């Protein structure tokens, strides 16, 4: 069971809270820090002070030079929004999966080769953006993200997606463009009533497979590039 540290009313109030843009300012009263934005600070690692903010709801570390996400990320167990895009991450720790209140996770534009299997433990996740990385395989545990509405994994090195993707019954937007995927598992057809948009542009999908996918998802707006003659 997933326990959230914030009720809906508290979430609304939290988003009205002051945004801190400086660690020095935030450290004056750590327990009052709910939103911390440290983008474009030329950071090479996540500052240790960040893990002192026990009530942190939103953390933005984008557009830095961070190469590693430490295991201590799990200490921020009230975190709902994590943006660590536009960095130099090559790996994500297993402990990320302990952030069971996380709803939005942006890992885009890093150097990731894979996502940990623990990604499937993020049962509150509604948006996952792992685009513009070097990911070759999506873990089957992604099928456990039953609240996921938006999955963006374009511009990676994927050749397939797991059959378990068909378990994502809340999914309404799936962005795959720019991968080496030529078809989809038949299980994706289980999303016939929920998936609204599917982007498969700039991919080696021949006419036969385009028709196969359209037959699986007749009510989905699907974007293909011009059919290739690939086999």
C-alpha atoms as a PDB file:
ATOM      1  CA  UNK A   1       0.000   0.000   0.000  1.00  0.00           C
ATOM      2  CA  UNK A   2       1.242   3.485  -0.871  1.00  0.00           C
ATOM      3  CA  UNK A   3       1.137   6.134   1.812  1.00  0.00           C
ATOM      4  CA  UNK A   4       1.363   9.777   0.829  1.00  0.00           C
ATOM      5  CA  UNK A   5       2.644  12.403   3.199  1.00  0.00           C
ATOM      6  CA  UNK A   6       0.282  14.960   1.652  1.00  0.00           C
ATOM      7  CA  UNK A   7      -3.494  15.038   1.234  1.00  0.00           C
ATOM      8  CA  UNK A   8      -4.983  16.702  -1.857  1.00  0.00           C
ATOM      9  CA  UNK A   9      -5.569  19.887   0.113  1.00  0.00           C
ATOM     10  CA  UNK A  10      -2.031  19.813   1.434  1.00  0.00           C
ATOM     11  CA  UNK A  11      -0.658  19.340  -2.086  1.00  0.00           C
ATOM     12  CA  UNK A  12      -2.469  22.470  -3.235  1.00  0.00           C
ATOM     13  CA  UNK A  13      -1.096  24.416  -0.294  1.00  0.00           C
ATOM     14  CA  UNK A  14       2.392  22.993  -0.781  1.00  0.00           C
ATOM     15  CA  UNK A  15       2.514  24.214  -4.373  1.00  0.00           C
ATOM     16  CA  UNK A  16       1.846  27.707  -3.020  1.00  0.00           C
ATOM     17  CA  UNK A  17       4.834  27.475  -0.698  1.00  0.00           C
ATOM     18  CA  UNK A  18       7.919  29.596  -1.213  1.00  0.00           C
ATOM     19  CA  UNK A  19      10.398  28.231  -3.735  1.00  0.00           C
ATOM     20  CA  UNK A  20      13.992  28.196  -2.514  1.00  0.00           C
ATOM     21  CA  UNK A  21      16.700  28.805  -5.108  1.00  0.00           C
ATOM     22  CA  UNK A  22      19.654  28.884  -2.697  1.00  0.00           C
ATOM     23  CA  UNK A  23      20.961  26.252  -0.313  1.00  0.00           C
ATOM     24  CA  UNK A  24      22.195  28.923   2.068  1.00  0.00           C
ATOM     25  CA  UNK A  25      18.725  30.411   2.320  1.00  0.00           C
ATOM     26  CA  UNK A  26      17.067  27.019   2.621  1.00  0.00           C
ATOM     27  CA  UNK A  27      19.381  25.898   5.412  1.00  0.00           C
ATOM     28  CA  UNK A  28      18.177  28.716   7.664  1.00  0.00           C
ATOM     29  CA  UNK A  29      15.004  26.717   8.352  1.00  0.00           C
ATOM     30  CA  UNK A  30      15.271  23.221   6.802  1.00  0.00           C
ATOM     31  CA  UNK A  31      11.903  21.990   8.071  1.00  0.00           C
ATOM     32  CA  UNK A  32      10.124  24.752   6.145  1.00  0.00           C
ATOM     33  CA  UNK A  33      11.625  23.814   2.789  1.00  0.00           C
ATOM     34  CA  UNK A  34       9.057  22.152   0.543  1.00  0.00           C
ATOM     35  CA  UNK A  35      10.195  23.313  -2.890  1.00  0.00           C
ATOM     36  CA  UNK A  36      13.864  23.558  -3.873  1.00  0.00           C
ATOM     37  CA  UNK A  37      15.078  24.543  -7.337  1.00  0.00           C
ATOM     38  CA  UNK A  38      18.814  24.371  -7.951  1.00  0.00           C
ATOM     39  CA  UNK A  39      18.906  24.224 -11.729  1.00  0.00           C
ATOM     40  CA  UNK A  40      21.801  25.781 -13.662  1.00  0.00           C
ATOM     41  CA  UNK A  41      24.100  25.894 -10.636  1.00  0.00           C
ATOM     42  CA  UNK A  42      26.971  23.985 -12.298  1.00  0.00           C
ATOM     43  CA  UNK A  43      26.605  21.278  -9.666  1.00  0.00           C
ATOM     44  CA  UNK A  44      28.736  18.154 -10.156  1.00  0.00           C
ATOM     45  CA  UNK A  45      26.981  16.217  -7.414  1.00  0.00           C
ATOM     46  CA  UNK A  46      23.828  16.470  -5.353  1.00  0.00           C
ATOM     47  CA  UNK A  47      24.739  18.589  -2.298  1.00  0.00           C
ATOM     48  CA  UNK A  48      24.607  16.644   0.976  1.00  0.00           C
ATOM     49  CA  UNK A  49      22.460  19.412   2.469  1.00  0.00           C
ATOM     50  CA  UNK A  50      19.590  18.433   0.180  1.00  0.00           C
ATOM     51  CA  UNK A  51      19.022  15.269   2.219  1.00  0.00           C
ATOM     52  CA  UNK A  52      18.385  17.337   5.341  1.00  0.00           C
ATOM     53  CA  UNK A  53      15.109  18.701   3.946  1.00  0.00           C
ATOM     54  CA  UNK A  54      12.782  16.033   5.305  1.00  0.00           C
ATOM     55  CA  UNK A  55       9.615  17.790   4.104  1.00  0.00           C
ATOM     56  CA  UNK A  56      10.785  18.303   0.545  1.00  0.00           C
ATOM     57  CA  UNK A  57       7.937  17.971  -1.960  1.00  0.00           C
ATOM     58  CA  UNK A  58       9.608  19.193  -5.162  1.00  0.00           C
ATOM     59  CA  UNK A  59      13.290  19.034  -6.128  1.00  0.00           C
ATOM     60  CA  UNK A  60      14.652  20.475  -9.369  1.00  0.00           C
ATOM     61  CA  UNK A  61      18.311  19.739 -10.120  1.00  0.00           C
ATOM     62  CA  UNK A  62      18.095  20.073 -13.894  1.00  0.00           C
ATOM     63  CA  UNK A  63      20.715  21.637 -16.161  1.00  0.00           C
ATOM     64  CA  UNK A  64      23.724  20.794 -14.010  1.00  0.00           C
ATOM     65  CA  UNK A  65      26.675  18.421 -14.415  1.00  0.00           C
ATOM     66  CA  UNK A  66      25.629  15.747 -11.925  1.00  0.00           C
ATOM     67  CA  UNK A  67      27.098  12.317 -12.709  1.00  0.00           C
ATOM     68  CA  UNK A  68      25.693  10.286  -9.841  1.00  0.00           C
ATOM     69  CA  UNK A  69      22.474   9.961  -7.865  1.00  0.00           C
ATOM     70  CA  UNK A  70      23.422   8.671  -4.391  1.00  0.00           C
ATOM     71  CA  UNK A  71      21.591   5.917  -2.542  1.00  0.00           C
ATOM     72  CA  UNK A  72      20.565   8.554   0.021  1.00  0.00           C
ATOM     73  CA  UNK A  73      17.921   9.782  -2.418  1.00  0.00           C
ATOM     74  CA  UNK A  74      15.578   7.435  -0.538  1.00  0.00           C
ATOM     75  CA  UNK A  75      15.789   9.732   2.494  1.00  0.00           C
ATOM     76  CA  UNK A  76      13.535  12.205   0.669  1.00  0.00           C
ATOM     77  CA  UNK A  77      10.544   9.939   1.176  1.00  0.00           C
ATOM     78  CA  UNK A  78       7.981  12.757   0.941  1.00  0.00           C
ATOM     79  CA  UNK A  79       9.172  13.793  -2.513  1.00  0.00           C
ATOM     80  CA  UNK A  80       6.459  14.088  -5.157  1.00  0.00           C
ATOM     81  CA  UNK A  81       8.327  15.810  -8.013  1.00  0.00           C
ATOM     82  CA  UNK A  82      11.935  15.098  -9.034  1.00  0.00           C
ATOM     83  CA  UNK A  83      13.508  16.776 -12.051  1.00  0.00           C
ATOM     84  CA  UNK A  84      17.127  15.796 -12.649  1.00  0.00           C
ATOM     85  CA  UNK A  85      17.087  16.202 -16.421  1.00  0.00           C
ATOM     86  CA  UNK A  86      19.936  17.696 -18.466  1.00  0.00           C
ATOM     87  CA  UNK A  87      22.728  16.191 -16.382  1.00  0.00           C
ATOM     88  CA  UNK A  88      25.369  13.484 -16.875  1.00  0.00           C
ATOM     89  CA  UNK A  89      23.842  10.578 -14.980  1.00  0.00           C
ATOM     90  CA  UNK A  90      24.946   7.136 -16.132  1.00  0.00           C
ATOM     91  CA  UNK A  91      23.130   5.112 -13.484  1.00  0.00           C
ATOM     92  CA  UNK A  92      20.124   5.311 -11.171  1.00  0.00           C
ATOM     93  CA  UNK A  93      20.321   3.671  -7.712  1.00  0.00           C
ATOM     94  CA  UNK A  94      17.922   0.908  -6.742  1.00  0.00           C
ATOM     95  CA  UNK A  95      16.911   2.995  -3.721  1.00  0.00           C
ATOM     96  CA  UNK A  96      15.023   5.411  -5.985  1.00  0.00           C
ATOM     97  CA  UNK A  97      12.199   2.892  -5.853  1.00  0.00           C
ATOM     98  CA  UNK A  98      11.656   3.727  -2.178  1.00  0.00           C
ATOM     99  CA  UNK A  99      10.219   7.143  -3.091  1.00  0.00           C
ATOM    100  CA  UNK A 100       6.688   5.813  -3.033  1.00  0.00           C
ATOM    101  CA  UNK A 101       5.097   9.276  -3.003  1.00  0.00           C
ATOM    102  CA  UNK A 102       6.795  10.301  -6.259  1.00  0.00           C
ATOM    103  CA  UNK A 103       4.313  11.320  -8.959  1.00  0.00           C
ATOM    104  CA  UNK A 104       6.544  13.047 -11.538  1.00  0.00           C
ATOM    105  CA  UNK A 105      10.041  11.842 -12.468  1.00  0.00           C
ATOM    106  CA  UNK A 106      12.108  13.560 -15.163  1.00  0.00           C
ATOM    107  CA  UNK A 107      15.363  11.780 -16.075  1.00  0.00           C
ATOM    108  CA  UNK A 108      15.584  13.092 -19.623  1.00  0.00           C
ATOM    109  CA  UNK A 109      18.769  14.174 -21.376  1.00  0.00           C
ATOM    110  CA  UNK A 110      21.254  12.185 -19.326  1.00  0.00           C
ATOM    111  CA  UNK A 111      23.533   9.278 -20.273  1.00  0.00           C
ATOM    112  CA  UNK A 112      21.537   6.408 -18.834  1.00  0.00           C
ATOM    113  CA  UNK A 113      21.913   2.939 -20.352  1.00  0.00           C
ATOM    114  CA  UNK A 114      19.135   1.416 -18.296  1.00  0.00           C
ATOM    115  CA  UNK A 115      16.532   2.036 -15.610  1.00  0.00           C
ATOM    116  CA  UNK A 116      16.612  -0.011 -12.392  1.00  0.00           C
ATOM    117  CA  UNK A 117      13.990  -2.685 -11.879  1.00  0.00           C
ATOM    118  CA  UNK A 118      12.966  -0.767  -8.750  1.00  0.00           C
ATOM    119  CA  UNK A 119      11.339   1.821 -11.037  1.00  0.00           C
ATOM    120  CA  UNK A 120       8.301  -0.445 -10.788  1.00  0.00           C
ATOM    121  CA  UNK A 121       8.045   0.267  -7.062  1.00  0.00           C
ATOM    122  CA  UNK A 122       7.031   3.883  -7.718  1.00  0.00           C
ATOM    123  CA  UNK A 123       3.348   3.063  -7.443  1.00  0.00           C
ATOM    124  CA  UNK A 124       2.223   6.722  -7.279  1.00  0.00           C
ATOM    125  CA  UNK A 125       4.043   7.735 -10.474  1.00  0.00           C
ATOM    126  CA  UNK A 126       1.862   9.448 -13.081  1.00  0.00           C
ATOM    127  CA  UNK A 127       4.576  10.872 -15.369  1.00  0.00           C
ATOM    128  CA  UNK A 128       7.905   9.300 -16.340  1.00  0.00           C
ATOM    129  CA  UNK A 129      10.216  11.063 -18.787  1.00  0.00           C
ATOM    130  CA  UNK A 130      13.413   9.174 -19.607  1.00  0.00           C
ATOM    131  CA  UNK A 131      13.842  10.566 -23.112  1.00  0.00           C
ATOM    132  CA  UNK A 132      17.152  11.412 -24.784  1.00  0.00           C
ATOM    133  CA  UNK A 133      19.279   8.842 -23.016  1.00  0.00           C
ATOM    134  CA  UNK A 134      21.001   5.645 -24.198  1.00  0.00           C
ATOM    135  CA  UNK A 135      18.551   3.160 -22.738  1.00  0.00           C
ATOM    136  CA  UNK A 136      18.599  -0.209 -24.501  1.00  0.00           C
ATOM    137  CA  UNK A 137      16.081  -2.084 -22.368  1.00  0.00           C
ATOM    138  CA  UNK A 138      13.000  -1.043 -20.438  1.00  0.00           C
ATOM    139  CA  UNK A 139      12.527  -3.210 -17.316  1.00  0.00           C
ATOM    140  CA  UNK A 140       9.411  -5.370 -17.252  1.00  0.00           C
ATOM    141  CA  UNK A 141       8.644  -3.919 -13.814  1.00  0.00           C
ATOM    142  CA  UNK A 142       7.461  -0.756 -15.559  1.00  0.00           C
ATOM    143  CA  UNK A 143       4.208  -2.672 -15.928  1.00  0.00           C
ATOM    144  CA  UNK A 144       3.631  -2.205 -12.189  1.00  0.00           C
ATOM    145  CA  UNK A 145       3.150   1.566 -12.581  1.00  0.00           C
ATOM    146  CA  UNK A 146      -0.616   1.372 -12.556  1.00  0.00           C
ATOM    147  CA  UNK A 147      -1.104   5.126 -12.022  1.00  0.00           C
ATOM    148  CA  UNK A 148       1.152   6.090 -14.954  1.00  0.00           C
ATOM    149  CA  UNK A 149      -0.558   8.393 -17.438  1.00  0.00           C
ATOM    150  CA  UNK A 150       2.424   9.684 -19.438  1.00  0.00           C
ATOM    151  CA  UNK A 151       5.454   7.652 -20.528  1.00  0.00           C
ATOM    152  CA  UNK A 152       8.090   9.469 -22.589  1.00  0.00           C
ATOM    153  CA  UNK A 153      11.061   7.359 -23.703  1.00  0.00           C
ATOM    154  CA  UNK A 154      11.836   8.852 -27.097  1.00  0.00           C
ATOM    155  CA  UNK A 155      15.362   9.131 -28.513  1.00  0.00           C
ATOM    156  CA  UNK A 156      16.858   6.088 -26.812  1.00  0.00           C
ATOM    157  CA  UNK A 157      18.293   2.809 -28.141  1.00  0.00           C
ATOM    158  CA  UNK A 158      15.284   0.600 -27.532  1.00  0.00           C
ATOM    159  CA  UNK A 159      14.486  -2.212 -29.946  1.00  0.00           C
ATOM    160  CA  UNK A 160      11.347  -3.295 -28.093  1.00  0.00           C
ATOM    161  CA  UNK A 161       9.163  -2.522 -25.102  1.00  0.00           C
ATOM    162  CA  UNK A 162       8.105  -5.175 -22.573  1.00  0.00           C
ATOM    163  CA  UNK A 163       4.788  -6.960 -22.874  1.00  0.00           C
ATOM    164  CA  UNK A 164       4.021  -5.715 -19.363  1.00  0.00           C
ATOM    165  CA  UNK A 165       3.515  -2.230 -20.819  1.00  0.00           C
ATOM    166  CA  UNK A 166       0.038  -3.521 -21.589  1.00  0.00           C
ATOM    167  CA  UNK A 167      -0.706  -3.483 -17.858  1.00  0.00           C
ATOM    168  CA  UNK A 168      -0.544   0.313 -17.708  1.00  0.00           C
ATOM    169  CA  UNK A 169      -4.295   0.772 -17.694  1.00  0.00           C
ATOM    170  CA  UNK A 170      -4.107   4.494 -16.811  1.00  0.00           C
ATOM    171  CA  UNK A 171      -1.691   5.300 -19.663  1.00  0.00           C
ATOM    172  CA  UNK A 172      -3.006   7.861 -22.147  1.00  0.00           C
ATOM    173  CA  UNK A 173       0.234   9.100 -23.768  1.00  0.00           C
ATOM    174  CA  UNK A 174       3.146   6.938 -24.940  1.00  0.00           C
ATOM    175  CA  UNK A 175       6.074   8.585 -26.740  1.00  0.00           C
ATOM    176  CA  UNK A 176       8.501   6.170 -28.396  1.00  0.00           C
ATOM    177  CA  UNK A 177       9.754   8.167 -31.370  1.00  0.00           C
ATOM    178  CA  UNK A 178      13.342   7.931 -32.462  1.00  0.00           C
ATOM    179  CA  UNK A 179      13.992   4.401 -31.163  1.00  0.00           C
ATOM    180  CA  UNK A 180      14.786   1.269 -33.174  1.00  0.00           C
ATOM    181  CA  UNK A 181      11.438  -0.368 -32.409  1.00  0.00           C
ATOM    182  CA  UNK A 182       9.778  -1.991 -35.410  1.00  0.00           C
ATOM    183  CA  UNK A 183       6.612  -3.314 -33.760  1.00  0.00           C
ATOM    184  CA  UNK A 184       4.810  -3.547 -30.408  1.00  0.00           C
ATOM    185  CA  UNK A 185       3.786  -6.548 -28.270  1.00  0.00           C
ATOM    186  CA  UNK A 186       0.210  -7.668 -28.767  1.00  0.00           C
ATOM    187  CA  UNK A 187      -0.417  -6.959 -25.072  1.00  0.00           C
ATOM    188  CA  UNK A 188      -0.429  -3.244 -25.897  1.00  0.00           C
ATOM    189  CA  UNK A 189      -3.914  -3.896 -27.247  1.00  0.00           C
ATOM    190  CA  UNK A 190      -5.161  -4.054 -23.661  1.00  0.00           C
ATOM    191  CA  UNK A 191      -4.849  -0.246 -23.675  1.00  0.00           C
ATOM    192  CA  UNK A 192      -7.463   0.050 -26.423  1.00  0.00           C
ATOM    193  CA  UNK A 193      -9.832   2.103 -24.260  1.00  0.00           C
ATOM    194  CA  UNK A 194      -7.310   4.316 -22.493  1.00  0.00           C
ATOM    195  CA  UNK A 195      -4.305   5.114 -24.708  1.00  0.00           C
ATOM    196  CA  UNK A 196      -5.091   8.379 -26.506  1.00  0.00           C
ATOM    197  CA  UNK A 197      -1.801   9.150 -28.269  1.00  0.00           C
ATOM    198  CA  UNK A 198       1.115   7.030 -29.444  1.00  0.00           C
ATOM    199  CA  UNK A 199       4.159   8.563 -31.144  1.00  0.00           C
ATOM    200  CA  UNK A 200       6.178   6.144 -33.300  1.00  0.00           C
ATOM    201  CA  UNK A 201       7.771   8.557 -35.717  1.00  0.00           C
ATOM    202  CA  UNK A 202      11.339   8.157 -36.978  1.00  0.00           C
ATOM    203  CA  UNK A 203      11.235   4.401 -36.391  1.00  0.00           C
ATOM    204  CA  UNK A 204      11.709   1.385 -38.689  1.00  0.00           C
ATOM    205  CA  UNK A 205       8.031   0.415 -38.814  1.00  0.00           C
ATOM    206  CA  UNK A 206       6.988  -1.059 -42.157  1.00  0.00           C
ATOM    207  CA  UNK A 207       3.464  -0.820 -43.548  1.00  0.00           C
ATOM    208  CA  UNK A 208       2.479  -4.286 -42.319  1.00  0.00           C
ATOM    209  CA  UNK A 209       3.472  -3.490 -38.751  1.00  0.00           C
ATOM    210  CA  UNK A 210       1.831  -0.086 -38.907  1.00  0.00           C
ATOM    211  CA  UNK A 211      -1.446  -1.763 -39.799  1.00  0.00           C
ATOM    212  CA  UNK A 212      -0.943  -4.375 -37.063  1.00  0.00           C
ATOM    213  CA  UNK A 213      -0.471  -1.658 -34.435  1.00  0.00           C
ATOM    214  CA  UNK A 214      -3.442   0.338 -35.731  1.00  0.00           C
ATOM    215  CA  UNK A 215      -5.616  -2.783 -35.500  1.00  0.00           C
ATOM    216  CA  UNK A 216      -4.506  -3.295 -31.891  1.00  0.00           C
ATOM    217  CA  UNK A 217      -5.288   0.333 -31.005  1.00  0.00           C
ATOM    218  CA  UNK A 218      -8.080   1.505 -33.339  1.00  0.00           C
ATOM    219  CA  UNK A 219      -9.118   4.428 -31.128  1.00  0.00           C
ATOM    220  CA  UNK A 220      -5.610   5.755 -30.496  1.00  0.00           C
ATOM    221  CA  UNK A 221      -4.104   8.685 -32.410  1.00  0.00           C
ATOM    222  CA  UNK A 222      -0.907   7.093 -33.725  1.00  0.00           C
ATOM    223  CA  UNK A 223       1.887   9.061 -35.366  1.00  0.00           C
ATOM    224  CA  UNK A 224       4.079   7.183 -37.843  1.00  0.00           C
ATOM    225  CA  UNK A 225       6.705   8.432 -40.241  1.00  0.00           C
ATOM    226  CA  UNK A 226       6.323   7.399 -43.860  1.00  0.00           C
ATOM    227  CA  UNK A 227       6.340   3.619 -44.065  1.00  0.00           C
ATOM    228  CA  UNK A 228       9.785   2.115 -44.671  1.00  0.00           C
ATOM    229  CA  UNK A 229      10.565  -0.937 -46.770  1.00  0.00           C
ATOM    230  CA  UNK A 230      12.380  -2.541 -43.839  1.00  0.00           C
ATOM    231  CA  UNK A 231      11.814  -6.203 -43.072  1.00  0.00           C
END
